[in-house]
Amino acid sequence: MAKTSKKWISERKVRIEEYERVRGILWMIITASETNTTDRVEAVKILYRIDSEGVPLPESW
């Protein structure tokens, strides 16, 4: 069965909310003083990746 526009819009809103939530968590990791350098670098890489590609679906990572 084909998706309706209402379903597409609903899914898009969920993805935007996920993106904002993940981005906020990554930003907290990056700016936290107790974060070690390796974790900070990886968080920056992930942040750049989701900024360019969007939040990936679970099976794509």
N, C-alpha and C. Protein backbone atom coordinates (compact mmCIF):
# COMPACT_ATOMS: atom_id res chain seq x y z
N MET A 1 0.83 -1.18 0.00
CA MET A 1 0.00 0.00 0.00
C MET A 1 0.88 1.25 0.00
N ALA A 2 0.53 2.20 -0.79
CA ALA A 2 1.30 3.43 -0.91
C ALA A 2 1.14 4.30 0.32
N LYS A 3 2.19 5.07 0.61
CA LYS A 3 2.14 5.98 1.74
C LYS A 3 1.34 7.22 1.35
N THR A 4 0.59 7.71 2.29
CA THR A 4 -0.16 8.94 2.06
C THR A 4 0.73 10.13 2.38
N SER A 5 0.34 11.30 1.91
CA SER A 5 1.13 12.50 2.20
C SER A 5 1.16 12.78 3.70
N LYS A 6 0.08 12.44 4.38
CA LYS A 6 0.03 12.64 5.84
C LYS A 6 1.09 11.76 6.51
N LYS A 7 1.26 10.54 6.04
CA LYS A 7 2.26 9.62 6.59
C LYS A 7 3.67 10.14 6.31
N TRP A 8 3.91 10.62 5.07
CA TRP A 8 5.22 11.18 4.72
C TRP A 8 5.56 12.37 5.62
N ILE A 9 4.59 13.26 5.81
CA ILE A 9 4.81 14.44 6.65
C ILE A 9 5.10 14.03 8.09
N SER A 10 4.35 13.08 8.59
CA SER A 10 4.55 12.59 9.95
C SER A 10 5.95 12.00 10.12
N GLU A 11 6.37 11.19 9.17
CA GLU A 11 7.71 10.59 9.24
C GLU A 11 8.79 11.65 9.16
N ARG A 12 8.58 12.65 8.33
CA ARG A 12 9.56 13.73 8.21
C ARG A 12 9.70 14.50 9.52
N LYS A 13 8.59 14.76 10.17
CA LYS A 13 8.63 15.47 11.46
C LYS A 13 9.40 14.65 12.50
N VAL A 14 9.18 13.35 12.50
CA VAL A 14 9.89 12.47 13.44
C VAL A 14 11.38 12.52 13.16
N ARG A 15 11.77 12.47 11.88
CA ARG A 15 13.19 12.52 11.53
C ARG A 15 13.82 13.85 11.94
N ILE A 16 13.10 14.95 11.78
CA ILE A 16 13.62 16.26 12.18
C ILE A 16 13.81 16.30 13.69
N GLU A 17 12.87 15.76 14.45
CA GLU A 17 12.99 15.72 15.91
C GLU A 17 14.17 14.86 16.32
N GLU A 18 14.36 13.72 15.64
CA GLU A 18 15.51 12.87 15.94
C GLU A 18 16.81 13.59 15.65
N TYR A 19 16.86 14.28 14.52
CA TYR A 19 18.05 15.03 14.14
C TYR A 19 18.40 16.06 15.21
N GLU A 20 17.41 16.82 15.65
CA GLU A 20 17.66 17.86 16.65
C GLU A 20 18.12 17.25 17.97
N ARG A 21 17.52 16.13 18.36
CA ARG A 21 17.89 15.48 19.61
C ARG A 21 19.32 14.93 19.54
N VAL A 22 19.66 14.24 18.45
CA VAL A 22 21.00 13.67 18.30
C VAL A 22 22.03 14.78 18.21
N ARG A 23 21.73 15.83 17.46
CA ARG A 23 22.66 16.94 17.32
C ARG A 23 22.92 17.62 18.68
N GLY A 24 21.87 17.77 19.47
CA GLY A 24 22.03 18.37 20.80
C GLY A 24 22.90 17.52 21.71
N ILE A 25 22.72 16.22 21.67
CA ILE A 25 23.54 15.33 22.50
C ILE A 25 24.99 15.38 22.06
N LEU A 26 25.21 15.35 20.75
CA LEU A 26 26.59 15.43 20.26
C LEU A 26 27.23 16.75 20.65
N TRP A 27 26.49 17.82 20.59
CA TRP A 27 27.04 19.13 20.96
C TRP A 27 27.42 19.14 22.44
N MET A 28 26.62 18.50 23.29
CA MET A 28 26.94 18.43 24.71
C MET A 28 28.24 17.63 24.93
N ILE A 29 28.42 16.56 24.16
CA ILE A 29 29.65 15.76 24.26
C ILE A 29 30.85 16.60 23.82
N ILE A 30 30.69 17.32 22.73
CA ILE A 30 31.80 18.13 22.20
C ILE A 30 32.22 19.23 23.17
N THR A 31 31.25 19.87 23.81
CA THR A 31 31.57 21.02 24.66
C THR A 31 31.85 20.65 26.12
N ALA A 32 31.62 19.41 26.50
CA ALA A 32 31.85 19.02 27.89
C ALA A 32 33.35 19.02 28.19
N SER A 33 33.71 19.57 29.34
CA SER A 33 35.13 19.65 29.69
C SER A 33 35.73 18.29 30.03
N GLU A 34 34.92 17.35 30.49
CA GLU A 34 35.44 16.04 30.87
C GLU A 34 35.55 15.06 29.71
N THR A 35 35.13 15.47 28.51
CA THR A 35 35.22 14.60 27.33
C THR A 35 36.66 14.49 26.88
N ASN A 36 37.11 13.25 26.66
CA ASN A 36 38.49 13.10 26.19
C ASN A 36 38.57 13.45 24.70
N THR A 37 39.78 13.66 24.23
CA THR A 37 39.98 14.16 22.87
C THR A 37 39.44 13.20 21.81
N THR A 38 39.65 11.91 22.00
CA THR A 38 39.20 10.93 21.02
C THR A 38 37.68 10.96 20.88
N ASP A 39 36.97 11.00 22.00
CA ASP A 39 35.52 11.05 21.95
C ASP A 39 35.03 12.36 21.32
N ARG A 40 35.71 13.44 21.62
CA ARG A 40 35.34 14.74 21.06
C ARG A 40 35.51 14.73 19.54
N VAL A 41 36.61 14.20 19.06
CA VAL A 41 36.86 14.14 17.62
C VAL A 41 35.81 13.27 16.93
N GLU A 42 35.49 12.13 17.51
CA GLU A 42 34.48 11.25 16.91
C GLU A 42 33.11 11.92 16.91
N ALA A 43 32.77 12.64 17.97
CA ALA A 43 31.49 13.34 18.03
C ALA A 43 31.42 14.42 16.95
N VAL A 44 32.54 15.12 16.72
CA VAL A 44 32.57 16.14 15.66
C VAL A 44 32.38 15.48 14.30
N LYS A 45 33.03 14.35 14.07
CA LYS A 45 32.88 13.64 12.80
C LYS A 45 31.43 13.24 12.57
N ILE A 46 30.80 12.71 13.60
CA ILE A 46 29.40 12.29 13.48
C ILE A 46 28.51 13.50 13.26
N LEU A 47 28.79 14.59 13.97
CA LEU A 47 28.01 15.81 13.80
C LEU A 47 28.10 16.32 12.36
N TYR A 48 29.30 16.36 11.81
CA TYR A 48 29.44 16.78 10.41
C TYR A 48 28.69 15.83 9.47
N ARG A 49 28.76 14.54 9.78
CA ARG A 49 28.10 13.57 8.92
C ARG A 49 26.59 13.74 8.93
N ILE A 50 25.99 13.93 10.12
CA ILE A 50 24.53 14.10 10.14
C ILE A 50 24.12 15.46 9.59
N ASP A 51 25.01 16.45 9.68
CA ASP A 51 24.70 17.74 9.07
C ASP A 51 24.68 17.65 7.55
N SER A 52 25.53 16.81 7.00
CA SER A 52 25.59 16.70 5.54
C SER A 52 24.61 15.66 4.99
N GLU A 53 24.39 14.56 5.73
CA GLU A 53 23.56 13.47 5.23
C GLU A 53 22.22 13.35 5.92
N GLY A 54 22.05 14.00 7.06
CA GLY A 54 20.85 13.81 7.86
C GLY A 54 21.05 12.64 8.81
N VAL A 55 20.09 12.44 9.69
CA VAL A 55 20.18 11.33 10.63
C VAL A 55 19.98 10.04 9.85
N PRO A 56 20.94 9.11 9.92
CA PRO A 56 20.81 7.89 9.13
C PRO A 56 19.78 6.95 9.73
N LEU A 57 19.24 6.12 8.88
CA LEU A 57 18.39 5.05 9.37
C LEU A 57 19.27 4.05 10.09
N PRO A 58 18.75 3.34 11.08
CA PRO A 58 19.59 2.43 11.89
C PRO A 58 20.39 1.43 11.06
N GLU A 59 19.83 0.92 9.97
CA GLU A 59 20.54 -0.10 9.21
C GLU A 59 21.64 0.47 8.31
N SER A 60 21.71 1.79 8.11
CA SER A 60 22.74 2.34 7.23
C SER A 60 24.06 2.59 7.93
N TRP A 61 24.13 2.48 9.24
CA TRP A 61 25.39 2.64 9.97
C TRP A 61 25.75 1.31 10.49
